């Protein structure tokens, strides 16, 4: 059984930094694509960043401020966030894709105050 668990969410002031972590366990014979998404209250879940077979890609809102990285086992993914803005406030979710199988974590809350 695959488990995906995010951590690192917190409340910070605008301009601050945070590092989110995500660990996937139970994956077998898979080098997954690993992504971060976020969802603000009343909004749809949106893409933030991905590290996968096709390389690394960021949403325009994250480009230049956030960095996604994956450890050598491809079981942990991180999102280093800087120059945080109030509009970055959301629940951040980790998405793990192994072939046609997709797994999501429960999310970690990031709140940025002005």
PDB file of N, CA and C in Angstrom:
ATOM      1  N   UNK A   1       0.845  -1.183   0.000  1.00  0.00           N
ATOM      2  CA  UNK A   1       0.000   0.000   0.000  1.00  0.00           C
ATOM      3  C   UNK A   1       0.890   1.246   0.000  1.00  0.00           C
ATOM      4  N   UNK A   2       0.550   2.183  -0.869  1.00  0.00           N
ATOM      5  CA  UNK A   2       1.343   3.397  -0.999  1.00  0.00           C
ATOM      6  C   UNK A   2       0.817   4.470  -0.054  1.00  0.00           C
ATOM      7  N   UNK A   3       1.742   5.114   0.635  1.00  0.00           N
ATOM      8  CA  UNK A   3       1.406   6.234   1.504  1.00  0.00           C
ATOM      9  C   UNK A   3       2.217   7.445   1.077  1.00  0.00           C
ATOM     10  N   UNK A   4       1.560   8.588   1.043  1.00  0.00           N
ATOM     11  CA  UNK A   4       2.212   9.841   0.712  1.00  0.00           C
ATOM     12  C   UNK A   4       1.928  10.818   1.848  1.00  0.00           C
ATOM     13  N   UNK A   5       2.981  11.346   2.456  1.00  0.00           N
ATOM     14  CA  UNK A   5       2.809  12.207   3.626  1.00  0.00           C
ATOM     15  C   UNK A   5       3.610  13.487   3.447  1.00  0.00           C
ATOM     16  N   UNK A   6       2.920  14.607   3.530  1.00  0.00           N
ATOM     17  CA  UNK A   6       3.568  15.915   3.443  1.00  0.00           C
ATOM     18  C   UNK A   6       3.822  16.462   4.847  1.00  0.00           C
ATOM     19  N   UNK A   7       4.813  17.346   4.942  1.00  0.00           N
ATOM     20  CA  UNK A   7       5.091  18.034   6.202  1.00  0.00           C
ATOM     21  C   UNK A   7       5.779  19.341   5.899  1.00  0.00           C
ATOM     22  N   UNK A   8       5.878  20.187   6.916  1.00  0.00           N
ATOM     23  CA  UNK A   8       6.628  21.435   6.790  1.00  0.00           C
ATOM     24  C   UNK A   8       5.782  22.677   6.676  1.00  0.00           C
ATOM     25  N   UNK A   9       4.474  22.530   6.534  1.00  0.00           N
ATOM     26  CA  UNK A   9       3.627  23.707   6.446  1.00  0.00           C
ATOM     27  C   UNK A   9       3.641  24.511   7.740  1.00  0.00           C
ATOM     28  N   UNK A  10       3.440  25.810   7.601  1.00  0.00           N
ATOM     29  CA  UNK A  10       3.510  26.680   8.777  1.00  0.00           C
ATOM     30  C   UNK A  10       2.892  28.025   8.441  1.00  0.00           C
ATOM     31  N   UNK A  11       2.825  28.884   9.426  1.00  0.00           N
ATOM     32  CA  UNK A  11       2.404  30.275   9.232  1.00  0.00           C
ATOM     33  C   UNK A  11       3.641  31.151   9.238  1.00  0.00           C
ATOM     34  N   UNK A  12       3.796  31.960   8.195  1.00  0.00           N
ATOM     35  CA  UNK A  12       4.980  32.812   8.079  1.00  0.00           C
ATOM     36  C   UNK A  12       4.577  34.204   7.624  1.00  0.00           C
ATOM     37  N   UNK A  13       5.484  35.139   7.802  1.00  0.00           N
ATOM     38  CA  UNK A  13       5.274  36.498   7.311  1.00  0.00           C
ATOM     39  C   UNK A  13       5.629  36.575   5.833  1.00  0.00           C
ATOM     40  N   UNK A  14       5.014  37.516   5.149  1.00  0.00           N
ATOM     41  CA  UNK A  14       5.354  37.757   3.751  1.00  0.00           C
ATOM     42  C   UNK A  14       6.849  38.021   3.629  1.00  0.00           C
ATOM     43  N   UNK A  15       7.438  37.468   2.584  1.00  0.00           N
ATOM     44  CA  UNK A  15       8.871  37.586   2.378  1.00  0.00           C
ATOM     45  C   UNK A  15       9.669  36.462   2.992  1.00  0.00           C
ATOM     46  N   UNK A  16       9.024  35.639   3.788  1.00  0.00           N
ATOM     47  CA  UNK A  16       9.706  34.545   4.458  1.00  0.00           C
ATOM     48  C   UNK A  16       9.920  33.333   3.583  1.00  0.00           C
ATOM     49  N   UNK A  17      10.495  32.300   4.198  1.00  0.00           N
ATOM     50  CA  UNK A  17      10.787  31.062   3.483  1.00  0.00           C
ATOM     51  C   UNK A  17      10.202  29.875   4.244  1.00  0.00           C
ATOM     52  N   UNK A  18       9.944  28.814   3.486  1.00  0.00           N
ATOM     53  CA  UNK A  18       9.500  27.549   4.060  1.00  0.00           C
ATOM     54  C   UNK A  18      10.018  26.424   3.193  1.00  0.00           C
ATOM     55  N   UNK A  19      10.226  25.286   3.803  1.00  0.00           N
ATOM     56  CA  UNK A  19      10.597  24.091   3.064  1.00  0.00           C
ATOM     57  C   UNK A  19       9.589  23.001   3.371  1.00  0.00           C
ATOM     58  N   UNK A  20       8.900  22.585   2.335  1.00  0.00           N
ATOM     59  CA  UNK A  20       7.957  21.488   2.471  1.00  0.00           C
ATOM     60  C   UNK A  20       8.641  20.177   2.094  1.00  0.00           C
ATOM     61  N   UNK A  21       8.221  19.119   2.756  1.00  0.00           N
ATOM     62  CA  UNK A  21       8.750  17.786   2.475  1.00  0.00           C
ATOM     63  C   UNK A  21       7.603  16.826   2.202  1.00  0.00           C
ATOM     64  N   UNK A  22       7.905  15.824   1.417  1.00  0.00           N
ATOM     65  CA  UNK A  22       6.914  14.794   1.124  1.00  0.00           C
ATOM     66  C   UNK A  22       7.649  13.461   1.014  1.00  0.00           C
ATOM     67  N   UNK A  23       7.119  12.462   1.675  1.00  0.00           N
ATOM     68  CA  UNK A  23       7.713  11.131   1.590  1.00  0.00           C
ATOM     69  C   UNK A  23       6.680  10.141   1.090  1.00  0.00           C
ATOM     70  N   UNK A  24       7.081   9.364   0.092  1.00  0.00           N
ATOM     71  CA  UNK A  24       6.227   8.315  -0.455  1.00  0.00           C
ATOM     72  C   UNK A  24       6.796   6.966  -0.052  1.00  0.00           C
ATOM     73  N   UNK A  25       5.958   6.120   0.531  1.00  0.00           N
ATOM     74  CA  UNK A  25       6.384   4.780   0.914  1.00  0.00           C
ATOM     75  C   UNK A  25       5.474   3.752   0.258  1.00  0.00           C
ATOM     76  N   UNK A  26       6.007   2.547   0.116  1.00  0.00           N
ATOM     77  CA  UNK A  26       5.221   1.476  -0.467  1.00  0.00           C
ATOM     78  C   UNK A  26       5.304   1.370  -1.976  1.00  0.00           C
ATOM     79  N   UNK A  27       6.095   2.248  -2.596  1.00  0.00           N
ATOM     80  CA  UNK A  27       6.249   2.159  -4.046  1.00  0.00           C
ATOM     81  C   UNK A  27       7.167   0.998  -4.399  1.00  0.00           C
ATOM     82  N   UNK A  28       6.832   0.289  -5.454  1.00  0.00           N
ATOM     83  CA  UNK A  28       7.616  -0.865  -5.875  1.00  0.00           C
ATOM     84  C   UNK A  28       8.000  -0.692  -7.338  1.00  0.00           C
ATOM     85  N   UNK A  29       9.297  -0.826  -7.610  1.00  0.00           N
ATOM     86  CA  UNK A  29       9.798  -0.814  -8.987  1.00  0.00           C
ATOM     87  C   UNK A  29       9.281   0.400  -9.750  1.00  0.00           C
ATOM     88  N   UNK A  30       9.489   1.561  -9.166  1.00  0.00           N
ATOM     89  CA  UNK A  30       8.979   2.777  -9.792  1.00  0.00           C
ATOM     90  C   UNK A  30       9.901   3.933  -9.493  1.00  0.00           C
ATOM     91  N   UNK A  31      10.206   4.709 -10.513  1.00  0.00           N
ATOM     92  CA  UNK A  31      10.909   5.977 -10.351  1.00  0.00           C
ATOM     93  C   UNK A  31       9.889   7.060 -10.689  1.00  0.00           C
ATOM     94  N   UNK A  32       9.167   7.508  -9.701  1.00  0.00           N
ATOM     95  CA  UNK A  32       7.973   8.304  -9.988  1.00  0.00           C
ATOM     96  C   UNK A  32       8.249   9.744 -10.397  1.00  0.00           C
ATOM     97  N   UNK A  33       7.287  10.308 -11.100  1.00  0.00           N
ATOM     98  CA  UNK A  33       7.231  11.754 -11.228  1.00  0.00           C
ATOM     99  C   UNK A  33       6.640  12.272  -9.918  1.00  0.00           C
ATOM    100  N   UNK A  34       7.232  13.338  -9.396  1.00  0.00           N
ATOM    101  CA  UNK A  34       6.786  13.875  -8.120  1.00  0.00           C
ATOM    102  C   UNK A  34       6.491  15.350  -8.291  1.00  0.00           C
ATOM    103  N   UNK A  35       5.323  15.747  -7.823  1.00  0.00           N
ATOM    104  CA  UNK A  35       4.846  17.105  -8.066  1.00  0.00           C
ATOM    105  C   UNK A  35       4.303  17.715  -6.788  1.00  0.00           C
ATOM    106  N   UNK A  36       4.218  19.030  -6.810  1.00  0.00           N
ATOM    107  CA  UNK A  36       3.508  19.776  -5.779  1.00  0.00           C
ATOM    108  C   UNK A  36       2.352  20.520  -6.420  1.00  0.00           C
ATOM    109  N   UNK A  37       1.221  20.486  -5.747  1.00  0.00           N
ATOM    110  CA  UNK A  37       0.042  21.247  -6.113  1.00  0.00           C
ATOM    111  C   UNK A  37      -0.399  22.029  -4.879  1.00  0.00           C
ATOM    112  N   UNK A  38      -1.284  22.989  -5.092  1.00  0.00           N
ATOM    113  CA  UNK A  38      -1.832  23.710  -3.939  1.00  0.00           C
ATOM    114  C   UNK A  38      -3.286  24.061  -4.197  1.00  0.00           C
ATOM    115  N   UNK A  39      -4.001  24.245  -3.105  1.00  0.00           N
ATOM    116  CA  UNK A  39      -5.408  24.593  -3.202  1.00  0.00           C
ATOM    117  C   UNK A  39      -5.755  25.597  -2.114  1.00  0.00           C
ATOM    118  N   UNK A  40      -6.179  26.762  -2.543  1.00  0.00           N
ATOM    119  CA  UNK A  40      -6.629  27.797  -1.620  1.00  0.00           C
ATOM    120  C   UNK A  40      -8.132  27.632  -1.397  1.00  0.00           C
ATOM    121  N   UNK A  41      -8.651  28.133  -0.291  1.00  0.00           N
ATOM    122  CA  UNK A  41     -10.091  28.006  -0.011  1.00  0.00           C
ATOM    123  C   UNK A  41     -10.927  28.568  -1.150  1.00  0.00           C
ATOM    124  N   UNK A  42     -11.884  27.782  -1.611  1.00  0.00           N
ATOM    125  CA  UNK A  42     -12.771  28.220  -2.667  1.00  0.00           C
ATOM    126  C   UNK A  42     -12.177  28.176  -4.060  1.00  0.00           C
ATOM    127  N   UNK A  43     -10.949  27.688  -4.156  1.00  0.00           N
ATOM    128  CA  UNK A  43     -10.259  27.638  -5.447  1.00  0.00           C
ATOM    129  C   UNK A  43     -10.027  26.190  -5.863  1.00  0.00           C
ATOM    130  N   UNK A  44      -9.754  26.002  -7.147  1.00  0.00           N
ATOM    131  CA  UNK A  44      -9.394  24.675  -7.622  1.00  0.00           C
ATOM    132  C   UNK A  44      -7.936  24.382  -7.284  1.00  0.00           C
ATOM    133  N   UNK A  45      -7.636  23.102  -7.192  1.00  0.00           N
ATOM    134  CA  UNK A  45      -6.254  22.711  -6.968  1.00  0.00           C
ATOM    135  C   UNK A  45      -5.428  23.086  -8.200  1.00  0.00           C
ATOM    136  N   UNK A  46      -4.256  23.661  -7.966  1.00  0.00           N
ATOM    137  CA  UNK A  46      -3.433  24.111  -9.084  1.00  0.00           C
ATOM    138  C   UNK A  46      -2.013  23.575  -8.987  1.00  0.00           C
ATOM    139  N   UNK A  47      -1.421  23.402 -10.143  1.00  0.00           N
ATOM    140  CA  UNK A  47      -0.064  22.896 -10.263  1.00  0.00           C
ATOM    141  C   UNK A  47       0.926  23.929  -9.748  1.00  0.00           C
ATOM    142  N   UNK A  48       1.964  23.457  -9.055  1.00  0.00           N
ATOM    143  CA  UNK A  48       3.036  24.326  -8.581  1.00  0.00           C
ATOM    144  C   UNK A  48       4.365  23.964  -9.236  1.00  0.00           C
ATOM    145  N   UNK A  49       4.747  22.696  -9.145  1.00  0.00           N
ATOM    146  CA  UNK A  49       6.049  22.284  -9.682  1.00  0.00           C
ATOM    147  C   UNK A  49       6.080  20.770  -9.832  1.00  0.00           C
ATOM    148  N   UNK A  50       6.921  20.305 -10.748  1.00  0.00           N
ATOM    149  CA  UNK A  50       7.087  18.874 -10.966  1.00  0.00           C
ATOM    150  C   UNK A  50       8.558  18.555 -11.224  1.00  0.00           C
ATOM    151  N   UNK A  51       8.974  17.403 -10.741  1.00  0.00           N
ATOM    152  CA  UNK A  51      10.285  16.851 -11.058  1.00  0.00           C
ATOM    153  C   UNK A  51      10.029  15.428 -11.531  1.00  0.00           C
ATOM    154  N   UNK A  52      10.325  15.189 -12.808  1.00  0.00           N
ATOM    155  CA  UNK A  52      10.004  13.874 -13.326  1.00  0.00           C
ATOM    156  C   UNK A  52      10.797  13.493 -14.543  1.00  0.00           C
ATOM    157  N   UNK A  53      10.268  12.531 -15.262  1.00  0.00           N
ATOM    158  CA  UNK A  53      10.944  11.979 -16.432  1.00  0.00           C
ATOM    159  C   UNK A  53      11.280  13.053 -17.459  1.00  0.00           C
ATOM    160  N   UNK A  54      10.389  14.025 -17.589  1.00  0.00           N
ATOM    161  CA  UNK A  54      10.594  15.093 -18.570  1.00  0.00           C
ATOM    162  C   UNK A  54      11.326  16.296 -17.995  1.00  0.00           C
ATOM    163  N   UNK A  55      11.859  16.133 -16.787  1.00  0.00           N
ATOM    164  CA  UNK A  55      12.611  17.221 -16.188  1.00  0.00           C
ATOM    165  C   UNK A  55      11.825  17.965 -15.138  1.00  0.00           C
ATOM    166  N   UNK A  56      12.212  19.202 -14.909  1.00  0.00           N
ATOM    167  CA  UNK A  56      11.606  20.037 -13.884  1.00  0.00           C
ATOM    168  C   UNK A  56      10.846  21.187 -14.534  1.00  0.00           C
ATOM    169  N   UNK A  57       9.683  21.457 -13.988  1.00  0.00           N
ATOM    170  CA  UNK A  57       8.848  22.540 -14.538  1.00  0.00           C
ATOM    171  C   UNK A  57       8.110  23.205 -13.395  1.00  0.00           C
ATOM    172  N   UNK A  58       7.894  24.509 -13.565  1.00  0.00           N
ATOM    173  CA  UNK A  58       7.232  25.295 -12.527  1.00  0.00           C
ATOM    174  C   UNK A  58       6.038  26.054 -13.106  1.00  0.00           C
ATOM    175  N   UNK A  59       5.067  26.297 -12.249  1.00  0.00           N
ATOM    176  CA  UNK A  59       4.019  27.241 -12.602  1.00  0.00           C
ATOM    177  C   UNK A  59       4.632  28.636 -12.648  1.00  0.00           C
ATOM    178  N   UNK A  60       4.024  29.504 -13.416  1.00  0.00           N
ATOM    179  CA  UNK A  60       4.543  30.870 -13.505  1.00  0.00           C
ATOM    180  C   UNK A  60       4.618  31.517 -12.128  1.00  0.00           C
ATOM    181  N   UNK A  61       3.647  31.210 -11.277  1.00  0.00           N
ATOM    182  CA  UNK A  61       3.597  31.820  -9.946  1.00  0.00           C
ATOM    183  C   UNK A  61       4.739  31.360  -9.047  1.00  0.00           C
ATOM    184  N   UNK A  62       5.324  30.217  -9.377  1.00  0.00           N
ATOM    185  CA  UNK A  62       6.397  29.647  -8.557  1.00  0.00           C
ATOM    186  C   UNK A  62       7.785  29.898  -9.140  1.00  0.00           C
ATOM    187  N   UNK A  63       7.834  30.157 -10.417  1.00  0.00           N
ATOM    188  CA  UNK A  63       9.118  30.320 -11.102  1.00  0.00           C
ATOM    189  C   UNK A  63       9.953  31.417 -10.457  1.00  0.00           C
ATOM    190  N   UNK A  64      11.191  31.070 -10.120  1.00  0.00           N
ATOM    191  CA  UNK A  64      12.106  32.039  -9.542  1.00  0.00           C
ATOM    192  C   UNK A  64      12.009  32.182  -8.038  1.00  0.00           C
ATOM    193  N   UNK A  65      10.957  31.649  -7.438  1.00  0.00           N
ATOM    194  CA  UNK A  65      10.811  31.752  -5.981  1.00  0.00           C
ATOM    195  C   UNK A  65      10.834  30.392  -5.300  1.00  0.00           C
ATOM    196  N   UNK A  66      10.369  29.374  -5.998  1.00  0.00           N
ATOM    197  CA  UNK A  66      10.288  28.024  -5.430  1.00  0.00           C
ATOM    198  C   UNK A  66      11.268  27.108  -6.149  1.00  0.00           C
ATOM    199  N   UNK A  67      11.771  26.116  -5.413  1.00  0.00           N
ATOM    200  CA  UNK A  67      12.643  25.114  -6.005  1.00  0.00           C
ATOM    201  C   UNK A  67      12.183  23.732  -5.565  1.00  0.00           C
ATOM    202  N   UNK A  68      11.951  22.859  -6.546  1.00  0.00           N
ATOM    203  CA  UNK A  68      11.585  21.475  -6.241  1.00  0.00           C
ATOM    204  C   UNK A  68      12.830  20.614  -6.365  1.00  0.00           C
ATOM    205  N   UNK A  69      12.959  19.670  -5.440  1.00  0.00           N
ATOM    206  CA  UNK A  69      14.083  18.739  -5.510  1.00  0.00           C
ATOM    207  C   UNK A  69      13.611  17.365  -5.037  1.00  0.00           C
ATOM    208  N   UNK A  70      14.286  16.350  -5.530  1.00  0.00           N
ATOM    209  CA  UNK A  70      13.946  14.965  -5.208  1.00  0.00           C
ATOM    210  C   UNK A  70      15.216  14.256  -4.780  1.00  0.00           C
ATOM    211  N   UNK A  71      15.115  13.413  -3.761  1.00  0.00           N
ATOM    212  CA  UNK A  71      16.322  12.711  -3.314  1.00  0.00           C
ATOM    213  C   UNK A  71      16.642  11.564  -4.264  1.00  0.00           C
ATOM    214  N   UNK A  72      17.817  10.967  -4.092  1.00  0.00           N
ATOM    215  CA  UNK A  72      18.297   9.968  -5.042  1.00  0.00           C
ATOM    216  C   UNK A  72      17.406   8.725  -5.084  1.00  0.00           C
ATOM    217  N   UNK A  73      16.702   8.451  -4.016  1.00  0.00           N
ATOM    218  CA  UNK A  73      15.815   7.284  -4.003  1.00  0.00           C
ATOM    219  C   UNK A  73      14.507   7.555  -4.739  1.00  0.00           C
ATOM    220  N   UNK A  74      14.256   8.827  -5.022  1.00  0.00           N
ATOM    221  CA  UNK A  74      12.987   9.259  -5.605  1.00  0.00           C
ATOM    222  C   UNK A  74      11.809   8.790  -4.745  1.00  0.00           C
ATOM    223  N   UNK A  75      12.017   8.921  -3.450  1.00  0.00           N
ATOM    224  CA  UNK A  75      10.946   8.638  -2.505  1.00  0.00           C
ATOM    225  C   UNK A  75      10.638   9.867  -1.643  1.00  0.00           C
ATOM    226  N   UNK A  76      11.469  10.889  -1.731  1.00  0.00           N
ATOM    227  CA  UNK A  76      11.247  12.136  -1.002  1.00  0.00           C
ATOM    228  C   UNK A  76      11.362  13.305  -1.966  1.00  0.00           C
ATOM    229  N   UNK A  77      10.428  14.214  -1.863  1.00  0.00           N
ATOM    230  CA  UNK A  77      10.452  15.419  -2.683  1.00  0.00           C
ATOM    231  C   UNK A  77      10.295  16.615  -1.753  1.00  0.00           C
ATOM    232  N   UNK A  78      10.972  17.688  -2.128  1.00  0.00           N
ATOM    233  CA  UNK A  78      10.977  18.885  -1.307  1.00  0.00           C
ATOM    234  C   UNK A  78      10.528  20.076  -2.151  1.00  0.00           C
ATOM    235  N   UNK A  79       9.986  21.058  -1.479  1.00  0.00           N
ATOM    236  CA  UNK A  79       9.668  22.320  -2.134  1.00  0.00           C
ATOM    237  C   UNK A  79      10.205  23.437  -1.263  1.00  0.00           C
ATOM    238  N   UNK A  80      11.279  24.047  -1.726  1.00  0.00           N
ATOM    239  CA  UNK A  80      11.859  25.191  -1.037  1.00  0.00           C
ATOM    240  C   UNK A  80      11.163  26.433  -1.555  1.00  0.00           C
ATOM    241  N   UNK A  81      10.525  27.160  -0.663  1.00  0.00           N
ATOM    242  CA  UNK A  81       9.736  28.329  -1.064  1.00  0.00           C
ATOM    243  C   UNK A  81      10.350  29.577  -0.460  1.00  0.00           C
ATOM    244  N   UNK A  82      10.550  30.596  -1.283  1.00  0.00           N
ATOM    245  CA  UNK A  82      11.098  31.857  -0.818  1.00  0.00           C
ATOM    246  C   UNK A  82      10.249  33.021  -1.289  1.00  0.00           C
ATOM    247  N   UNK A  83      10.549  34.185  -0.736  1.00  0.00           N
ATOM    248  CA  UNK A  83       9.806  35.412  -1.077  1.00  0.00           C
ATOM    249  C   UNK A  83       8.303  35.154  -1.049  1.00  0.00           C
ATOM    250  N   UNK A  84       7.860  34.520   0.024  1.00  0.00           N
ATOM    251  CA  UNK A  84       6.456  34.125   0.101  1.00  0.00           C
ATOM    252  C   UNK A  84       5.534  35.341   0.139  1.00  0.00           C
ATOM    253  N   UNK A  85       4.386  35.153  -0.496  1.00  0.00           N
ATOM    254  CA  UNK A  85       3.378  36.206  -0.591  1.00  0.00           C
ATOM    255  C   UNK A  85       2.069  35.718   0.027  1.00  0.00           C
ATOM    256  N   UNK A  86       1.221  36.629   0.461  1.00  0.00           N
ATOM    257  CA  UNK A  86      -0.079  36.188   0.999  1.00  0.00           C
ATOM    258  C   UNK A  86      -0.859  35.311   0.023  1.00  0.00           C
ATOM    259  N   UNK A  87      -0.694  35.551  -1.258  1.00  0.00           N
ATOM    260  CA  UNK A  87      -1.418  34.731  -2.241  1.00  0.00           C
ATOM    261  C   UNK A  87      -0.862  33.314  -2.368  1.00  0.00           C
ATOM    262  N   UNK A  88       0.240  33.031  -1.693  1.00  0.00           N
ATOM    263  CA  UNK A  88       0.744  31.649  -1.636  1.00  0.00           C
ATOM    264  C   UNK A  88       0.031  30.829  -0.574  1.00  0.00           C
ATOM    265  N   UNK A  89      -0.814  31.481   0.205  1.00  0.00           N
ATOM    266  CA  UNK A  89      -1.559  30.770   1.242  1.00  0.00           C
ATOM    267  C   UNK A  89      -2.449  29.712   0.619  1.00  0.00           C
ATOM    268  N   UNK A  90      -2.268  28.483   1.063  1.00  0.00           N
ATOM    269  CA  UNK A  90      -3.007  27.349   0.494  1.00  0.00           C
ATOM    270  C   UNK A  90      -2.609  26.086   1.240  1.00  0.00           C
ATOM    271  N   UNK A  91      -3.341  25.030   0.940  1.00  0.00           N
ATOM    272  CA  UNK A  91      -2.913  23.712   1.374  1.00  0.00           C
ATOM    273  C   UNK A  91      -2.103  23.125   0.221  1.00  0.00           C
ATOM    274  N   UNK A  92      -0.913  22.653   0.543  1.00  0.00           N
ATOM    275  CA  UNK A  92       0.001  22.143  -0.461  1.00  0.00           C
ATOM    276  C   UNK A  92      -0.019  20.616  -0.438  1.00  0.00           C
ATOM    277  N   UNK A  93      -0.184  20.053  -1.628  1.00  0.00           N
ATOM    278  CA  UNK A  93      -0.316  18.610  -1.784  1.00  0.00           C
ATOM    279  C   UNK A  93       0.824  18.050  -2.618  1.00  0.00           C
ATOM    280  N   UNK A  94       1.252  16.863  -2.248  1.00  0.00           N
ATOM    281  CA  UNK A  94       2.255  16.124  -2.997  1.00  0.00           C
ATOM    282  C   UNK A  94       1.543  15.092  -3.868  1.00  0.00           C
ATOM    283  N   UNK A  95       1.950  15.015  -5.113  1.00  0.00           N
ATOM    284  CA  UNK A  95       1.384  14.055  -6.065  1.00  0.00           C
ATOM    285  C   UNK A  95       2.505  13.161  -6.565  1.00  0.00           C
ATOM    286  N   UNK A  96       2.278  11.860  -6.498  1.00  0.00           N
ATOM    287  CA  UNK A  96       3.269  10.876  -6.926  1.00  0.00           C
ATOM    288  C   UNK A  96       2.655  10.025  -8.038  1.00  0.00           C
ATOM    289  N   UNK A  97       3.334   9.961  -9.167  1.00  0.00           N
ATOM    290  CA  UNK A  97       2.819   9.217 -10.322  1.00  0.00           C
ATOM    291  C   UNK A  97       3.770   8.093 -10.684  1.00  0.00           C
ATOM    292  N   UNK A  98       3.235   6.871 -10.683  1.00  0.00           N
ATOM    293  CA  UNK A  98       3.970   5.696 -11.129  1.00  0.00           C
ATOM    294  C   UNK A  98       3.202   5.109 -12.289  1.00  0.00           C
ATOM    295  N   UNK A  99       3.657   5.329 -13.482  1.00  0.00           N
ATOM    296  CA  UNK A  99       2.917   4.855 -14.642  1.00  0.00           C
ATOM    297  C   UNK A  99       1.532   5.490 -14.652  1.00  0.00           C
ATOM    298  N   UNK A 100       0.502   4.658 -14.636  1.00  0.00           N
ATOM    299  CA  UNK A 100      -0.867   5.161 -14.643  1.00  0.00           C
ATOM    300  C   UNK A 100      -1.442   5.327 -13.232  1.00  0.00           C
ATOM    301  N   UNK A 101      -0.657   4.988 -12.229  1.00  0.00           N
ATOM    302  CA  UNK A 101      -1.126   5.116 -10.842  1.00  0.00           C
ATOM    303  C   UNK A 101      -0.733   6.477 -10.287  1.00  0.00           C
ATOM    304  N   UNK A 102      -1.698   7.111  -9.637  1.00  0.00           N
ATOM    305  CA  UNK A 102      -1.487   8.440  -9.067  1.00  0.00           C
ATOM    306  C   UNK A 102      -1.851   8.406  -7.585  1.00  0.00           C
ATOM    307  N   UNK A 103      -0.965   8.945  -6.776  1.00  0.00           N
ATOM    308  CA  UNK A 103      -1.181   8.956  -5.336  1.00  0.00           C
ATOM    309  C   UNK A 103      -1.043  10.384  -4.824  1.00  0.00           C
ATOM    310  N   UNK A 104      -1.928  10.747  -3.891  1.00  0.00           N
ATOM    311  CA  UNK A 104      -1.903  12.072  -3.285  1.00  0.00           C
ATOM    312  C   UNK A 104      -1.749  11.945  -1.773  1.00  0.00           C
ATOM    313  N   UNK A 105      -1.096  12.942  -1.199  1.00  0.00           N
ATOM    314  CA  UNK A 105      -1.064  13.042   0.242  1.00  0.00           C
ATOM    315  C   UNK A 105      -2.254  13.834   0.748  1.00  0.00           C
ATOM    316  N   UNK A 106      -2.289  14.034   2.058  1.00  0.00           N
ATOM    317  CA  UNK A 106      -3.397  14.751   2.696  1.00  0.00           C
ATOM    318  C   UNK A 106      -3.164  16.262   2.723  1.00  0.00           C
ATOM    319  N   UNK A 107      -1.974  16.693   2.401  1.00  0.00           N
ATOM    320  CA  UNK A 107      -1.696  18.121   2.328  1.00  0.00           C
ATOM    321  C   UNK A 107      -1.100  18.691   3.594  1.00  0.00           C
ATOM    322  N   UNK A 108      -0.433  19.829   3.429  1.00  0.00           N
ATOM    323  CA  UNK A 108       0.126  20.565   4.548  1.00  0.00           C
ATOM    324  C   UNK A 108      -0.187  22.045   4.330  1.00  0.00           C
ATOM    325  N   UNK A 109      -0.632  22.719   5.381  1.00  0.00           N
ATOM    326  CA  UNK A 109      -1.131  24.095   5.260  1.00  0.00           C
ATOM    327  C   UNK A 109       0.001  25.110   5.341  1.00  0.00           C
ATOM    328  N   UNK A 110      -0.010  26.012   4.382  1.00  0.00           N
ATOM    329  CA  UNK A 110       0.900  27.156   4.382  1.00  0.00           C
ATOM    330  C   UNK A 110       0.061  28.421   4.460  1.00  0.00           C
ATOM    331  N   UNK A 111       0.369  29.252   5.435  1.00  0.00           N
ATOM    332  CA  UNK A 111      -0.343  30.516   5.603  1.00  0.00           C
ATOM    333  C   UNK A 111       0.681  31.646   5.632  1.00  0.00           C
ATOM    334  N   UNK A 112       0.508  32.603   4.731  1.00  0.00           N
ATOM    335  CA  UNK A 112       1.430  33.731   4.641  1.00  0.00           C
ATOM    336  C   UNK A 112       0.666  35.002   4.982  1.00  0.00           C
ATOM    337  N   UNK A 113       1.123  35.689   5.996  1.00  0.00           N
ATOM    338  CA  UNK A 113       0.461  36.916   6.426  1.00  0.00           C
ATOM    339  C   UNK A 113       1.246  38.140   5.976  1.00  0.00           C
ATOM    340  N   UNK A 114       0.512  39.210   5.722  1.00  0.00           N
ATOM    341  CA  UNK A 114       1.159  40.440   5.235  1.00  0.00           C
ATOM    342  C   UNK A 114       1.609  41.320   6.388  1.00  0.00           C
TER     343      UNK A 114
END
